[in-house]
PDB file of N, CA and C in Angstrom:
ATOM      1  N   MET A   1      26.220 -14.494  33.573  1.00  0.00           N
ATOM      2  CA  MET A   1      24.820 -14.149  33.446  1.00  0.00           C
ATOM      3  C   MET A   1      24.041 -15.370  32.956  1.00  0.00           C
ATOM      4  N   ARG A   2      22.998 -15.726  33.679  1.00  0.00           N
ATOM      5  CA  ARG A   2      22.177 -16.866  33.289  1.00  0.00           C
ATOM      6  C   ARG A   2      21.178 -16.473  32.206  1.00  0.00           C
ATOM      7  N   SER A   3      20.890 -17.418  31.336  1.00  0.00           N
ATOM      8  CA  SER A   3      19.924 -17.128  30.279  1.00  0.00           C
ATOM      9  C   SER A   3      18.505 -17.168  30.846  1.00  0.00           C
ATOM     10  N   VAL A   4      17.616 -16.480  30.190  1.00  0.00           N
ATOM     11  CA  VAL A   4      16.218 -16.430  30.581  1.00  0.00           C
ATOM     12  C   VAL A   4      15.459 -17.448  29.743  1.00  0.00           C
ATOM     13  N   LYS A   5      14.726 -18.349  30.416  1.00  0.00           N
ATOM     14  CA  LYS A   5      13.912 -19.320  29.684  1.00  0.00           C
ATOM     15  C   LYS A   5      12.666 -18.619  29.166  1.00  0.00           C
ATOM     16  N   ALA A   6      12.242 -19.018  27.966  1.00  0.00           N
ATOM     17  CA  ALA A   6      11.097 -18.348  27.348  1.00  0.00           C
ATOM     18  C   ALA A   6      10.143 -19.362  26.730  1.00  0.00           C
ATOM     19  N   LEU A   7       8.858 -19.071  26.840  1.00  0.00           N
ATOM     20  CA  LEU A   7       7.802 -19.874  26.243  1.00  0.00           C
ATOM     21  C   LEU A   7       7.095 -18.999  25.211  1.00  0.00           C
ATOM     22  N   LEU A   8       7.112 -19.424  23.958  1.00  0.00           N
ATOM     23  CA  LEU A   8       6.459 -18.654  22.901  1.00  0.00           C
ATOM     24  C   LEU A   8       4.945 -18.693  23.117  1.00  0.00           C
ATOM     25  N   LEU A   9       4.327 -17.528  23.285  1.00  0.00           N
ATOM     26  CA  LEU A   9       2.880 -17.444  23.471  1.00  0.00           C
ATOM     27  C   LEU A   9       2.155 -17.226  22.156  1.00  0.00           C
ATOM     28  N   THR A  10       2.718 -16.402  21.297  1.00  0.00           N
ATOM     29  CA  THR A  10       2.107 -16.170  19.991  1.00  0.00           C
ATOM     30  C   THR A  10       3.150 -15.677  18.998  1.00  0.00           C
ATOM     31  N   GLN A  11       2.976 -16.101  17.777  1.00  0.00           N
ATOM     32  CA  GLN A  11       3.784 -15.624  16.658  1.00  0.00           C
ATOM     33  C   GLN A  11       2.866 -15.645  15.449  1.00  0.00           C
ATOM     34  N   THR A  12       2.448 -14.470  15.028  1.00  0.00           N
ATOM     35  CA  THR A  12       1.479 -14.400  13.947  1.00  0.00           C
ATOM     36  C   THR A  12       1.744 -13.208  13.040  1.00  0.00           C
ATOM     37  N   ARG A  13       1.293 -13.335  11.820  1.00  0.00           N
ATOM     38  CA  ARG A  13       1.390 -12.250  10.841  1.00  0.00           C
ATOM     39  C   ARG A  13      -0.009 -12.024  10.283  1.00  0.00           C
ATOM     40  N   VAL A  14      -0.432 -10.760  10.280  1.00  0.00           N
ATOM     41  CA  VAL A  14      -1.764 -10.393   9.808  1.00  0.00           C
ATOM     42  C   VAL A  14      -1.612  -9.425   8.641  1.00  0.00           C
ATOM     43  N   ALA A  15      -2.142  -9.812   7.478  1.00  0.00           N
ATOM     44  CA  ALA A  15      -2.089  -8.933   6.306  1.00  0.00           C
ATOM     45  C   ALA A  15      -3.191  -7.888   6.406  1.00  0.00           C
ATOM     46  N   TYR A  16      -2.829  -6.636   6.163  1.00  0.00           N
ATOM     47  CA  TYR A  16      -3.807  -5.550   6.106  1.00  0.00           C
ATOM     48  C   TYR A  16      -4.143  -5.234   4.656  1.00  0.00           C
ATOM     49  N   THR A  17      -3.127  -5.183   3.810  1.00  0.00           N
ATOM     50  CA  THR A  17      -3.295  -4.976   2.372  1.00  0.00           C
ATOM     51  C   THR A  17      -2.226  -5.820   1.684  1.00  0.00           C
ATOM     52  N   ASP A  18      -2.161  -5.735   0.366  1.00  0.00           N
ATOM     53  CA  ASP A  18      -1.110  -6.451  -0.363  1.00  0.00           C
ATOM     54  C   ASP A  18       0.278  -5.960   0.023  1.00  0.00           C
ATOM     55  N   SER A  19       0.358  -4.717   0.513  1.00  0.00           N
ATOM     56  CA  SER A  19       1.669  -4.135   0.806  1.00  0.00           C
ATOM     57  C   SER A  19       1.908  -3.839   2.290  1.00  0.00           C
ATOM     58  N   SER A  20       1.000  -4.285   3.166  1.00  0.00           N
ATOM     59  CA  SER A  20       1.195  -4.009   4.594  1.00  0.00           C
ATOM     60  C   SER A  20       0.762  -5.199   5.447  1.00  0.00           C
ATOM     61  N   PHE A  21       1.474  -5.379   6.552  1.00  0.00           N
ATOM     62  CA  PHE A  21       1.139  -6.461   7.481  1.00  0.00           C
ATOM     63  C   PHE A  21       1.630  -6.107   8.879  1.00  0.00           C
ATOM     64  N   ALA A  22       1.034  -6.777   9.855  1.00  0.00           N
ATOM     65  CA  ALA A  22       1.497  -6.678  11.240  1.00  0.00           C
ATOM     66  C   ALA A  22       2.081  -8.025  11.624  1.00  0.00           C
ATOM     67  N   GLU A  23       3.163  -7.995  12.369  1.00  0.00           N
ATOM     68  CA  GLU A  23       3.759  -9.219  12.897  1.00  0.00           C
ATOM     69  C   GLU A  23       3.811  -9.078  14.413  1.00  0.00           C
ATOM     70  N   ILE A  24       3.292 -10.083  15.101  1.00  0.00           N
ATOM     71  CA  ILE A  24       3.199 -10.058  16.558  1.00  0.00           C
ATOM     72  C   ILE A  24       3.886 -11.295  17.112  1.00  0.00           C
ATOM     73  N   VAL A  25       4.876 -11.073  17.970  1.00  0.00           N
ATOM     74  CA  VAL A  25       5.610 -12.166  18.609  1.00  0.00           C
ATOM     75  C   VAL A  25       5.697 -11.849  20.101  1.00  0.00           C
ATOM     76  N   VAL A  26       5.234 -12.788  20.935  1.00  0.00           N
ATOM     77  CA  VAL A  26       5.264 -12.593  22.390  1.00  0.00           C
ATOM     78  C   VAL A  26       5.733 -13.877  23.054  1.00  0.00           C
ATOM     79  N   TRP A  27       6.696 -13.734  23.963  1.00  0.00           N
ATOM     80  CA  TRP A  27       7.167 -14.841  24.783  1.00  0.00           C
ATOM     81  C   TRP A  27       6.871 -14.529  26.245  1.00  0.00           C
ATOM     82  N   GLU A  28       6.620 -15.562  27.023  1.00  0.00           N
ATOM     83  CA  GLU A  28       6.592 -15.416  28.479  1.00  0.00           C
ATOM     84  C   GLU A  28       7.967 -15.852  28.966  1.00  0.00           C
ATOM     85  N   VAL A  29       8.616 -15.009  29.759  1.00  0.00           N
ATOM     86  CA  VAL A  29       9.973 -15.293  30.217  1.00  0.00           C
ATOM     87  C   VAL A  29       9.969 -15.643  31.701  1.00  0.00           C
ATOM     88  N   SER A  30      10.980 -16.401  32.104  1.00  0.00           N
ATOM     89  CA  SER A  30      11.048 -16.893  33.480  1.00  0.00           C
ATOM     90  C   SER A  30      11.318 -15.789  34.492  1.00  0.00           C
ATOM     91  N   ARG A  31      11.924 -14.709  34.036  1.00  0.00           N
ATOM     92  CA  ARG A  31      12.136 -13.536  34.901  1.00  0.00           C
ATOM     93  C   ARG A  31      12.180 -12.307  34.000  1.00  0.00           C
ATOM     94  N   PRO A  32      11.806 -11.146  34.531  1.00  0.00           N
ATOM     95  CA  PRO A  32      11.773  -9.939  33.699  1.00  0.00           C
ATOM     96  C   PRO A  32      13.126  -9.636  33.059  1.00  0.00           C
ATOM     97  N   LEU A  33      13.061  -9.115  31.843  1.00  0.00           N
ATOM     98  CA  LEU A  33      14.267  -8.649  31.169  1.00  0.00           C
ATOM     99  C   LEU A  33      14.781  -7.404  31.878  1.00  0.00           C
ATOM    100  N   GLU A  34      16.051  -7.117  31.691  1.00  0.00           N
ATOM    101  CA  GLU A  34      16.619  -5.899  32.260  1.00  0.00           C
ATOM    102  C   GLU A  34      15.802  -4.694  31.783  1.00  0.00           C
ATOM    103  N   SER A  35      15.425  -3.833  32.696  1.00  0.00           N
ATOM    104  CA  SER A  35      14.643  -2.614  32.443  1.00  0.00           C
ATOM    105  C   SER A  35      13.162  -2.875  32.208  1.00  0.00           C
ATOM    106  N   SER A  36      12.677  -4.081  32.463  1.00  0.00           N
ATOM    107  CA  SER A  36      11.247  -4.380  32.376  1.00  0.00           C
ATOM    108  C   SER A  36      10.783  -4.925  33.723  1.00  0.00           C
ATOM    109  N   ALA A  37       9.514  -4.653  34.058  1.00  0.00           N
ATOM    110  CA  ALA A  37       8.971  -5.099  35.341  1.00  0.00           C
ATOM    111  C   ALA A  37       7.933  -6.203  35.171  1.00  0.00           C
ATOM    112  N   HIS A  38       7.868  -6.807  34.003  1.00  0.00           N
ATOM    113  CA  HIS A  38       6.878  -7.848  33.723  1.00  0.00           C
ATOM    114  C   HIS A  38       7.577  -9.059  33.117  1.00  0.00           C
ATOM    115  N   SER A  39       6.834 -10.142  32.956  1.00  0.00           N
ATOM    116  CA  SER A  39       7.445 -11.402  32.504  1.00  0.00           C
ATOM    117  C   SER A  39       7.175 -11.702  31.028  1.00  0.00           C
ATOM    118  N   TYR A  40       7.257 -10.674  30.187  1.00  0.00           N
ATOM    119  CA  TYR A  40       7.049 -10.867  28.751  1.00  0.00           C
ATOM    120  C   TYR A  40       8.185 -10.249  27.951  1.00  0.00           C
ATOM    121  N   LYS A  41       8.487 -10.884  26.857  1.00  0.00           N
ATOM    122  CA  LYS A  41       9.398 -10.356  25.837  1.00  0.00           C
ATOM    123  C   LYS A  41       8.540 -10.266  24.582  1.00  0.00           C
ATOM    124  N   TYR A  42       8.507  -9.106  23.944  1.00  0.00           N
ATOM    125  CA  TYR A  42       7.603  -8.946  22.811  1.00  0.00           C
ATOM    126  C   TYR A  42       8.208  -8.093  21.704  1.00  0.00           C
ATOM    127  N   ARG A  43       7.633  -8.301  20.524  1.00  0.00           N
ATOM    128  CA  ARG A  43       7.977  -7.510  19.341  1.00  0.00           C
ATOM    129  C   ARG A  43       6.718  -7.441  18.477  1.00  0.00           C
ATOM    130  N   LEU A  44       6.166  -6.268  18.341  1.00  0.00           N
ATOM    131  CA  LEU A  44       4.990  -6.053  17.511  1.00  0.00           C
ATOM    132  C   LEU A  44       5.385  -5.035  16.449  1.00  0.00           C
ATOM    133  N   ALA A  45       5.253  -5.401  15.196  1.00  0.00           N
ATOM    134  CA  ALA A  45       5.702  -4.516  14.116  1.00  0.00           C
ATOM    135  C   ALA A  45       4.617  -4.374  13.056  1.00  0.00           C
ATOM    136  N   PHE A  46       4.514  -3.173  12.507  1.00  0.00           N
ATOM    137  CA  PHE A  46       3.639  -2.906  11.376  1.00  0.00           C
ATOM    138  C   PHE A  46       4.527  -2.458  10.224  1.00  0.00           C
ATOM    139  N   VAL A  47       4.445  -3.191   9.114  1.00  0.00           N
ATOM    140  CA  VAL A  47       5.336  -2.980   7.971  1.00  0.00           C
ATOM    141  C   VAL A  47       4.506  -2.582   6.753  1.00  0.00           C
ATOM    142  N   VAL A  48       4.947  -1.519   6.077  1.00  0.00           N
ATOM    143  CA  VAL A  48       4.273  -1.026   4.871  1.00  0.00           C
ATOM    144  C   VAL A  48       5.315  -0.890   3.769  1.00  0.00           C
ATOM    145  N   ASP A  49       5.070  -1.530   2.643  1.00  0.00           N
ATOM    146  CA  ASP A  49       5.999  -1.482   1.505  1.00  0.00           C
ATOM    147  C   ASP A  49       7.422  -1.843   1.921  1.00  0.00           C
ATOM    148  N   GLY A  50       7.552  -2.829   2.789  1.00  0.00           N
ATOM    149  CA  GLY A  50       8.864  -3.301   3.219  1.00  0.00           C
ATOM    150  C   GLY A  50       9.541  -2.448   4.276  1.00  0.00           C
ATOM    151  N   VAL A  51       8.864  -1.397   4.759  1.00  0.00           N
ATOM    152  CA  VAL A  51       9.436  -0.500   5.767  1.00  0.00           C
ATOM    153  C   VAL A  51       8.665  -0.648   7.074  1.00  0.00           C
ATOM    154  N   CYS A  52       9.377  -0.874   8.169  1.00  0.00           N
ATOM    155  CA  CYS A  52       8.740  -0.945   9.480  1.00  0.00           C
ATOM    156  C   CYS A  52       8.379   0.479   9.900  1.00  0.00           C
ATOM    157  N   VAL A  53       7.085   0.781   9.930  1.00  0.00           N
ATOM    158  CA  VAL A  53       6.635   2.135  10.256  1.00  0.00           C
ATOM    159  C   VAL A  53       6.207   2.264  11.712  1.00  0.00           C
ATOM    160  N   LEU A  54       6.047   1.127  12.400  1.00  0.00           N
ATOM    161  CA  LEU A  54       5.634   1.125  13.799  1.00  0.00           C
ATOM    162  C   LEU A  54       6.148  -0.147  14.448  1.00  0.00           C
ATOM    163  N   ARG A  55       6.750  -0.017  15.623  1.00  0.00           N
ATOM    164  CA  ARG A  55       7.206  -1.216  16.341  1.00  0.00           C
ATOM    165  C   ARG A  55       7.160  -0.955  17.840  1.00  0.00           C
ATOM    166  N   TYR A  56       6.600  -1.913  18.558  1.00  0.00           N
ATOM    167  CA  TYR A  56       6.644  -1.930  20.015  1.00  0.00           C
ATOM    168  C   TYR A  56       7.560  -3.091  20.393  1.00  0.00           C
ATOM    169  N   ASP A  57       8.491  -2.862  21.317  1.00  0.00           N
ATOM    170  CA  ASP A  57       9.326  -3.963  21.793  1.00  0.00           C
ATOM    171  C   ASP A  57       9.922  -3.602  23.143  1.00  0.00           C
ATOM    172  N   ASN A  58      10.552  -4.583  23.758  1.00  0.00           N
ATOM    173  CA  ASN A  58      11.200  -4.362  25.055  1.00  0.00           C
ATOM    174  C   ASN A  58      12.572  -5.014  25.063  1.00  0.00           C
ATOM    175  N   GLU A  59      13.391  -4.521  24.201  1.00  0.00           N
ATOM    176  CA  GLU A  59      14.777  -4.980  24.098  1.00  0.00           C
ATOM    177  C   GLU A  59      15.454  -4.906  25.467  1.00  0.00           C
ATOM    178  N   SER A  60      16.178  -5.953  25.818  1.00  0.00           N
ATOM    179  CA  SER A  60      16.865  -6.001  27.109  1.00  0.00           C
ATOM    180  C   SER A  60      17.772  -4.790  27.281  1.00  0.00           C
ATOM    181  N   GLY A  61      17.644  -4.127  28.414  1.00  0.00           N
ATOM    182  CA  GLY A  61      18.446  -2.948  28.698  1.00  0.00           C
ATOM    183  C   GLY A  61      17.785  -1.647  28.293  1.00  0.00           C
ATOM    184  N   LYS A  62      16.825  -1.705  27.364  1.00  0.00           N
ATOM    185  CA  LYS A  62      16.127  -0.494  26.924  1.00  0.00           C
ATOM    186  C   LYS A  62      14.733  -0.403  27.516  1.00  0.00           C
ATOM    187  N   GLY A  63      14.197  -1.520  27.962  1.00  0.00           N
ATOM    188  CA  GLY A  63      12.846  -1.514  28.512  1.00  0.00           C
ATOM    189  C   GLY A  63      11.787  -1.389  27.431  1.00  0.00           C
ATOM    190  N   ASP A  64      10.573  -1.143  27.874  1.00  0.00           N
ATOM    191  CA  ASP A  64       9.425  -1.046  26.976  1.00  0.00           C
ATOM    192  C   ASP A  64       9.484   0.273  26.209  1.00  0.00           C
ATOM    193  N   HIS A  65       9.350   0.182  24.890  1.00  0.00           N
ATOM    194  CA  HIS A  65       9.377   1.385  24.067  1.00  0.00           C
ATOM    195  C   HIS A  65       8.716   1.114  22.727  1.00  0.00           C
ATOM    196  N   ARG A  66       8.455   2.201  22.001  1.00  0.00           N
ATOM    197  CA  ARG A  66       7.858   2.070  20.673  1.00  0.00           C
ATOM    198  C   ARG A  66       8.624   2.938  19.694  1.00  0.00           C
ATOM    199  N   HIS A  67       8.663   2.457  18.474  1.00  0.00           N
ATOM    200  CA  HIS A  67       9.333   3.159  17.380  1.00  0.00           C
ATOM    201  C   HIS A  67       8.263   3.594  16.382  1.00  0.00           C
ATOM    202  N   THR A  68       8.370   4.825  15.924  1.00  0.00           N
ATOM    203  CA  THR A  68       7.522   5.320  14.840  1.00  0.00           C
ATOM    204  C   THR A  68       8.441   5.994  13.822  1.00  0.00           C
ATOM    205  N   LEU A  69       7.865   6.491  12.763  1.00  0.00           N
ATOM    206  CA  LEU A  69       8.675   7.209  11.781  1.00  0.00           C
ATOM    207  C   LEU A  69       9.274   8.480  12.383  1.00  0.00           C
ATOM    208  N   ASP A  70       8.693   8.957  13.479  1.00  0.00           N
ATOM    209  CA  ASP A  70       9.194  10.163  14.150  1.00  0.00           C
ATOM    210  C   ASP A  70      10.302   9.876  15.148  1.00  0.00           C
ATOM    211  N   GLY A  71      10.567   8.602  15.446  1.00  0.00           N
ATOM    212  CA  GLY A  71      11.622   8.266  16.400  1.00  0.00           C
ATOM    213  C   GLY A  71      11.176   7.231  17.417  1.00  0.00           C
ATOM    214  N   GLU A  72      11.851   7.217  18.541  1.00  0.00           N
ATOM    215  CA  GLU A  72      11.631   6.218  19.586  1.00  0.00           C
ATOM    216  C   GLU A  72      11.153   6.909  20.860  1.00  0.00           C
ATOM    217  N   ALA A  73      10.216   6.261  21.569  1.00  0.00           N
ATOM    218  CA  ALA A  73       9.704   6.817  22.826  1.00  0.00           C
ATOM    219  C   ALA A  73       9.439   5.683  23.805  1.00  0.00           C
ATOM    220  N   ARG A  74       9.560   5.981  25.081  1.00  0.00           N
ATOM    221  CA  ARG A  74       9.259   4.987  26.106  1.00  0.00           C
ATOM    222  C   ARG A  74       7.785   4.612  26.025  1.00  0.00           C
ATOM    223  N   TYR A  75       7.476   3.380  26.430  1.00  0.00           N
ATOM    224  CA  TYR A  75       6.102   2.893  26.450  1.00  0.00           C
ATOM    225  C   TYR A  75       5.808   2.362  27.841  1.00  0.00           C
ATOM    226  N   ARG A  76       4.668   2.723  28.390  1.00  0.00           N
ATOM    227  CA  ARG A  76       4.268   2.243  29.712  1.00  0.00           C
ATOM    228  C   ARG A  76       3.461   0.957  29.555  1.00  0.00           C
ATOM    229  N   PHE A  77       4.103  -0.180  29.841  1.00  0.00           N
ATOM    230  CA  PHE A  77       3.453  -1.479  29.718  1.00  0.00           C
ATOM    231  C   PHE A  77       2.532  -1.690  30.912  1.00  0.00           C
ATOM    232  N   LEU A  78       1.242  -1.975  30.641  1.00  0.00           N
ATOM    233  CA  LEU A  78       0.282  -2.266  31.704  1.00  0.00           C
ATOM    234  C   LEU A  78      -0.165  -3.720  31.673  1.00  0.00           C
ATOM    235  N   SER A  79      -0.400  -4.248  30.468  1.00  0.00           N
ATOM    236  CA  SER A  79      -0.832  -5.635  30.291  1.00  0.00           C
ATOM    237  C   SER A  79      -0.699  -5.987  28.817  1.00  0.00           C
ATOM    238  N   LEU A  80      -0.765  -7.291  28.515  1.00  0.00           N
ATOM    239  CA  LEU A  80      -0.727  -7.692  27.103  1.00  0.00           C
ATOM    240  C   LEU A  80      -1.945  -7.162  26.358  1.00  0.00           C
ATOM    241  N   ASP A  81      -3.121  -7.229  26.993  1.00  0.00           N
ATOM    242  CA  ASP A  81      -4.325  -6.725  26.329  1.00  0.00           C
ATOM    243  C   ASP A  81      -4.183  -5.249  25.975  1.00  0.00           C
ATOM    244  N   ARG A  82      -3.640  -4.474  26.893  1.00  0.00           N
ATOM    245  CA  ARG A  82      -3.452  -3.037  26.638  1.00  0.00           C
ATOM    246  C   ARG A  82      -2.402  -2.823  25.543  1.00  0.00           C
ATOM    247  N   LEU A  83      -1.332  -3.615  25.557  1.00  0.00           N
ATOM    248  CA  LEU A  83      -0.305  -3.530  24.516  1.00  0.00           C
ATOM    249  C   LEU A  83      -0.926  -3.770  23.144  1.00  0.00           C
ATOM    250  N   PHE A  84      -1.718  -4.840  23.018  1.00  0.00           N
ATOM    251  CA  PHE A  84      -2.356  -5.153  21.738  1.00  0.00           C
ATOM    252  C   PHE A  84      -3.315  -4.030  21.316  1.00  0.00           C
ATOM    253  N   ALA A  85      -4.069  -3.483  22.269  1.00  0.00           N
ATOM    254  CA  ALA A  85      -5.011  -2.398  21.962  1.00  0.00           C
ATOM    255  C   ALA A  85      -4.271  -1.140  21.506  1.00  0.00           C
ATOM    256  N   ASP A  86      -3.179  -0.802  22.181  1.00  0.00           N
ATOM    257  CA  ASP A  86      -2.399   0.376  21.793  1.00  0.00           C
ATOM    258  C   ASP A  86      -1.780   0.196  20.408  1.00  0.00           C
ATOM    259  N   PHE A  87      -1.277  -1.000  20.135  1.00  0.00           N
ATOM    260  CA  PHE A  87      -0.687  -1.305  18.829  1.00  0.00           C
ATOM    261  C   PHE A  87      -1.752  -1.182  17.737  1.00  0.00           C
ATOM    262  N   ASP A  88      -2.920  -1.774  17.971  1.00  0.00           N
ATOM    263  CA  ASP A  88      -4.014  -1.705  17.008  1.00  0.00           C
ATOM    264  C   ASP A  88      -4.448  -0.255  16.773  1.00  0.00           C
ATOM    265  N   ARG A  89      -4.551   0.525  17.841  1.00  0.00           N
ATOM    266  CA  ARG A  89      -4.922   1.941  17.721  1.00  0.00           C
ATOM    267  C   ARG A  89      -3.916   2.690  16.844  1.00  0.00           C
ATOM    268  N   ASP A  90      -2.628   2.446  17.076  1.00  0.00           N
ATOM    269  CA  ASP A  90      -1.596   3.129  16.290  1.00  0.00           C
ATOM    270  C   ASP A  90      -1.614   2.703  14.826  1.00  0.00           C
ATOM    271  N   ILE A  91      -1.883   1.427  14.567  1.00  0.00           N
ATOM    272  CA  ILE A  91      -2.007   0.967  13.175  1.00  0.00           C
ATOM    273  C   ILE A  91      -3.175   1.677  12.500  1.00  0.00           C
ATOM    274  N   ARG A  92      -4.322   1.699  13.169  1.00  0.00           N
ATOM    275  CA  ARG A  92      -5.506   2.351  12.586  1.00  0.00           C
ATOM    276  C   ARG A  92      -5.248   3.833  12.332  1.00  0.00           C
ATOM    277  N   ARG A  93      -4.563   4.482  13.257  1.00  0.00           N
ATOM    278  CA  ARG A  93      -4.222   5.899  13.085  1.00  0.00           C
ATOM    279  C   ARG A  93      -3.306   6.076  11.874  1.00  0.00           C
ATOM    280  N   PHE A  94      -2.305   5.202  11.739  1.00  0.00           N
ATOM    281  CA  PHE A  94      -1.384   5.299  10.603  1.00  0.00           C
ATOM    282  C   PHE A  94      -2.137   5.102   9.287  1.00  0.00           C
ATOM    283  N   ILE A  95      -2.995   4.094   9.235  1.00  0.00           N
ATOM    284  CA  ILE A  95      -3.758   3.819   8.011  1.00  0.00           C
ATOM    285  C   ILE A  95      -4.660   5.005   7.672  1.00  0.00           C
ATOM    286  N   HIS A  96      -5.296   5.568   8.681  1.00  0.00           N
ATOM    287  CA  HIS A  96      -6.185   6.719   8.460  1.00  0.00           C
ATOM    288  C   HIS A  96      -5.406   7.926   7.929  1.00  0.00           C
ATOM    289  N   GLU A  97      -4.211   8.152   8.474  1.00  0.00           N
ATOM    290  CA  GLU A  97      -3.404   9.304   8.057  1.00  0.00           C
ATOM    291  C   GLU A  97      -2.715   9.080   6.717  1.00  0.00           C
ATOM    292  N   ASP A  98      -2.449   7.821   6.368  1.00  0.00           N
ATOM    293  CA  ASP A  98      -1.753   7.499   5.124  1.00  0.00           C
ATOM    294  C   ASP A  98      -2.668   6.628   4.271  1.00  0.00           C
ATOM    295  N   ARG A  99      -3.520   7.230   3.523  1.00  0.00           N
ATOM    296  CA  ARG A  99      -4.528   6.513   2.722  1.00  0.00           C
ATOM    297  C   ARG A  99      -3.920   5.566   1.687  1.00  0.00           C
ATOM    298  N   ASN A 100      -2.622   5.643   1.424  1.00  0.00           N
ATOM    299  CA  ASN A 100      -1.976   4.766   0.446  1.00  0.00           C
ATOM    300  C   ASN A 100      -1.635   3.401   1.019  1.00  0.00           C
ATOM    301  N   THR A 101      -1.852   3.200   2.324  1.00  0.00           N
ATOM    302  CA  THR A 101      -1.521   1.923   2.953  1.00  0.00           C
ATOM    303  C   THR A 101      -2.456   0.920   2.462  1.00  0.00           C
TER     304      THR A 101
END
């Protein structure tokens, strides 16, 4: 199996509060990962008090999916802009529902 070449597009951490942050890492890959139909490898995580409460990623073999405190579900990847918007929406929803964040 040949390795996939990757170009780091972004790697950033954004603080929301003293105890919460989002980490966003996106690579452009030379060919789609197994179970993905696009040329990106990504990991977007929202961490509160040291616990990852939300994560979007596309682990090879599992395809695009998201993790929440309720479990794991498939995610329909449309574009990077849509991915970022969906992630932001979920963070805002979590913060609204959990006022201690």
